[in-house]
Amino acid sequence: MVGNLDEWVAEWVPLSTACATWGGLSDDLMCLFGASTSSVSPGALLRGGDFRSHTAAGPLAVVGSGGPFNSRAFIGFRCAR
């Protein structure tokens, strides 16, 4: 799951507003804190990290601060069954 793009996965959370650490378990990015009270859309989870994440990319990297309608050059998904 680590590569050039963040991977959209089929998981949803309340839209996150902050990032934190894994508490010494990992240096991977983790943005799942602070649920937004003003957003009407959920947070669509991105996993793995992208080329901009450098050392914060990894198998535990997860971001829930983007809505399902975000479109960026560094977001993708896997086509597999």
Protein backbone atom coordinates (compact mmCIF):
# COMPACT_ATOMS: atom_id res chain seq x y z
CA MET A 1 0.00 0.00 0.00
CA VAL A 2 2.98 2.35 -0.03
CA GLY A 3 3.79 4.01 -3.29
CA ASN A 4 3.48 7.13 -5.35
CA LEU A 5 -0.19 7.79 -4.49
CA ASP A 6 -2.44 7.91 -1.45
CA GLU A 7 -4.93 5.07 -1.87
CA TRP A 8 -8.65 5.68 -1.42
CA VAL A 9 -10.13 2.78 0.52
CA ALA A 10 -13.73 1.81 1.27
CA GLU A 11 -13.69 3.17 4.81
CA TRP A 12 -15.39 6.32 6.12
CA VAL A 13 -14.96 8.29 9.36
CA PRO A 14 -16.16 11.64 10.67
CA LEU A 15 -14.08 14.31 8.89
CA SER A 16 -10.83 14.58 10.87
CA THR A 17 -9.40 17.97 11.80
CA ALA A 18 -6.02 17.09 13.34
CA CYS A 19 -3.05 14.74 13.07
CA ALA A 20 -1.19 12.91 15.83
CA THR A 21 1.44 10.23 16.25
CA TRP A 22 1.20 6.50 16.72
CA GLY A 23 2.82 6.94 20.16
CA GLY A 24 6.24 5.47 19.31
CA LEU A 25 4.78 2.51 17.43
CA SER A 26 5.47 4.07 14.03
CA ASP A 27 6.53 7.29 12.30
CA ASP A 28 3.78 6.90 9.67
CA LEU A 29 1.28 9.72 9.22
CA MET A 30 -1.94 9.42 11.26
CA CYS A 31 -4.66 12.05 10.78
CA LEU A 32 -7.74 10.67 12.55
CA PHE A 33 -8.24 13.13 15.41
CA GLY A 34 -10.84 15.80 16.11
CA ALA A 35 -14.14 15.14 14.35
CA SER A 36 -15.44 18.19 12.49
CA THR A 37 -18.73 19.53 13.83
CA SER A 38 -19.40 21.80 10.85
CA SER A 39 -18.79 19.48 7.88
CA VAL A 40 -21.73 17.74 6.27
CA SER A 41 -19.57 15.20 4.43
CA PRO A 42 -17.65 12.30 5.99
CA GLY A 43 -13.92 11.74 5.76
CA ALA A 44 -12.94 9.29 3.04
CA LEU A 45 -9.86 7.42 4.27
CA LEU A 46 -6.60 7.59 2.37
CA ARG A 47 -3.96 5.00 3.22
CA GLY A 48 -0.31 4.33 2.50
CA GLY A 49 1.04 7.81 1.89
CA ASP A 50 2.15 9.46 -1.33
CA PHE A 51 5.40 10.81 -2.79
CA ARG A 52 5.02 14.02 -0.74
CA SER A 53 4.89 12.10 2.56
CA HIS A 54 8.57 11.02 2.44
CA THR A 55 9.31 9.09 5.67
CA ALA A 56 5.72 9.50 6.94
CA ALA A 57 4.48 7.13 4.20
CA GLY A 58 4.09 3.52 5.22
CA PRO A 59 1.68 0.67 5.84
CA LEU A 60 0.16 2.43 8.87
CA ALA A 61 -0.26 5.86 7.21
CA VAL A 62 -3.91 6.94 7.29
CA VAL A 63 -5.63 10.29 6.66
CA GLY A 64 -9.32 11.07 7.22
CA SER A 65 -9.27 14.83 6.63
CA GLY A 66 -10.41 14.82 3.00
CA GLY A 67 -13.96 14.55 1.78
CA PRO A 68 -15.09 12.00 -0.79
CA PHE A 69 -15.24 14.66 -3.52
CA ASN A 70 -11.57 15.72 -3.32
CA SER A 71 -9.58 15.25 -6.50
CA ARG A 72 -5.80 15.56 -6.42
CA ALA A 73 -2.91 14.32 -8.55
CA PHE A 74 -1.59 12.28 -5.60
CA ILE A 75 -4.81 10.32 -4.84
CA GLY A 76 -5.59 7.00 -6.52
CA PHE A 77 -7.10 3.60 -5.89
CA ARG A 78 -6.32 -0.01 -6.68
CA CYS A 79 -8.11 -1.86 -9.45
CA ALA A 80 -8.11 -5.46 -8.23
CA ARG A 81 -10.53 -8.16 -7.27
